[in-house]
Amino acid sequence: MFSKKHPCTSWTFKYKGRGVKPDPVKAGCFVIEHVATGRVIVNASAAASESADSQIEMFIRKEHPDRRFQKQFDGDEELLITLFPCSGIREARRVALEVVSSVYPPYLLH
């Protein structure tokens, strides 16, 4: 679990279909949560929507660098993607740090 103090949008991803994807977020923070286990990947990016999509593509191709997360995804392919739009990369990094510090229990961070 993590805190959602800032405005955000979420959508689900399943290999055989996805939820309604919100408008693309440029600068922002994204969180990819494995629904079955609660493990999360948190990152800030100048192109948050594209970066989240890139992470998902790596999972689909079975090429994600986080092997433990990849193995969990292979077992259950449902992800929850949360995007926090920000005014710039500095704010996105600040929001990402706040999200990381709010993840409980901490072992859920990748």
Protein backbone atom coordinates (compact mmCIF):
# COMPACT_ATOMS: atom_id res chain seq x y z
CA MET A 1 0.00 0.00 0.00
CA PHE A 2 1.10 3.55 -0.64
CA SER A 3 -0.26 7.02 -0.02
CA LYS A 4 -2.17 8.89 -2.72
CA LYS A 5 -1.93 12.41 -1.25
CA HIS A 6 -1.48 14.00 -4.67
CA PRO A 7 -4.01 14.08 -7.53
CA CYS A 8 -3.67 10.93 -9.61
CA THR A 9 -5.35 8.67 -12.13
CA SER A 10 -5.29 4.88 -12.15
CA TRP A 11 -6.03 2.10 -14.61
CA THR A 12 -5.64 -1.65 -14.59
CA PHE A 13 -3.67 -3.80 -16.97
CA LYS A 14 -4.32 -7.45 -17.68
CA TYR A 15 -2.54 -9.24 -20.50
CA LYS A 16 -5.86 -10.13 -22.11
CA GLY A 17 -7.31 -6.63 -21.72
CA ARG A 18 -6.93 -3.34 -19.92
CA GLY A 19 -9.03 -0.80 -18.14
CA VAL A 20 -9.77 2.62 -19.57
CA LYS A 21 -6.45 4.38 -19.93
CA PRO A 22 -6.49 8.05 -18.89
CA ASP A 23 -5.06 10.89 -20.94
CA PRO A 24 -1.27 10.67 -21.27
CA VAL A 25 0.79 12.21 -18.49
CA LYS A 26 3.97 13.97 -19.49
CA ALA A 27 6.10 14.88 -16.48
CA GLY A 28 5.06 12.87 -13.47
CA CYS A 29 5.46 9.95 -11.17
CA PHE A 30 4.15 6.49 -11.97
CA VAL A 31 3.51 3.50 -9.75
CA ILE A 32 3.11 -0.01 -11.11
CA GLU A 33 1.52 -2.26 -8.51
CA HIS A 34 1.23 -6.03 -8.85
CA VAL A 35 -2.32 -6.53 -7.63
CA ALA A 36 -1.87 -10.07 -6.28
CA THR A 37 1.24 -9.35 -4.16
CA GLY A 38 1.19 -5.58 -3.61
CA ARG A 39 4.77 -5.16 -4.88
CA VAL A 40 5.35 -1.76 -6.47
CA ILE A 41 7.69 -0.02 -8.86
CA VAL A 42 7.86 3.75 -8.33
CA ASN A 43 9.57 6.08 -10.76
CA ALA A 44 9.59 9.70 -11.91
CA SER A 45 9.82 10.58 -15.57
CA ALA A 46 9.52 13.45 -18.03
CA ALA A 47 7.16 11.15 -19.96
CA ALA A 48 5.41 9.15 -17.23
CA SER A 49 2.75 7.47 -19.39
CA GLU A 50 5.30 6.35 -21.97
CA SER A 51 7.67 5.10 -19.27
CA ALA A 52 4.91 3.07 -17.60
CA ASP A 53 3.93 1.59 -20.98
CA SER A 54 7.58 0.71 -21.59
CA GLN A 55 7.75 -1.13 -18.26
CA ILE A 56 4.59 -3.07 -19.14
CA GLU A 57 6.02 -4.01 -22.54
CA MET A 58 9.12 -5.42 -20.82
CA PHE A 59 6.87 -7.56 -18.60
CA ILE A 60 4.96 -8.85 -21.64
CA ARG A 61 8.21 -9.71 -23.48
CA LYS A 62 9.54 -11.34 -20.27
CA GLU A 63 12.53 -8.98 -20.32
CA HIS A 64 11.98 -6.89 -17.20
CA PRO A 65 15.23 -6.36 -15.24
CA ASP A 66 13.49 -7.00 -11.89
CA ARG A 67 13.41 -10.80 -12.14
CA ARG A 68 11.35 -11.29 -8.96
CA PHE A 69 8.67 -8.88 -10.15
CA GLN A 70 8.78 -10.53 -13.61
CA LYS A 71 8.20 -13.95 -12.05
CA GLN A 72 5.23 -12.62 -10.07
CA PHE A 73 3.80 -11.00 -13.20
CA ASP A 74 4.17 -14.30 -15.08
CA GLY A 75 2.08 -15.97 -12.35
CA ASP A 76 -0.63 -13.28 -12.25
CA GLU A 77 -0.67 -10.62 -14.95
CA GLU A 78 -2.89 -8.01 -13.28
CA LEU A 79 -1.25 -4.64 -12.64
CA LEU A 80 -2.61 -1.35 -11.32
CA ILE A 81 -0.91 1.67 -12.85
CA THR A 82 -1.20 4.99 -11.00
CA LEU A 83 -0.02 8.22 -12.62
CA PHE A 84 0.68 11.41 -10.68
CA PRO A 85 0.84 14.36 -13.11
CA CYS A 86 3.43 17.00 -12.14
CA SER A 87 4.53 20.37 -13.47
CA GLY A 88 8.08 19.17 -14.14
CA ILE A 89 10.64 16.49 -13.43
CA ARG A 90 11.70 18.08 -10.13
CA GLU A 91 8.20 17.89 -8.74
CA ALA A 92 7.86 14.36 -10.15
CA ARG A 93 10.98 13.26 -8.26
CA ARG A 94 9.64 14.84 -5.06
CA VAL A 95 6.30 13.05 -5.45
CA ALA A 96 8.10 9.76 -6.19
CA LEU A 97 10.12 10.12 -2.97
CA GLU A 98 6.92 10.78 -1.01
CA VAL A 99 5.27 7.72 -2.53
CA VAL A 100 8.34 5.55 -1.83
CA SER A 101 8.43 6.71 1.79
CA SER A 102 4.72 5.87 2.18
CA VAL A 103 4.98 2.28 0.91
CA TYR A 104 4.10 -0.06 3.75
CA PRO A 105 5.44 -2.58 4.41
CA PRO A 106 8.74 -1.47 2.85
CA TYR A 107 9.58 -4.90 1.39
CA LEU A 108 6.89 -4.25 -1.25
CA LEU A 109 9.26 -1.86 -3.05
CA HIS A 110 11.06 -3.48 -5.97
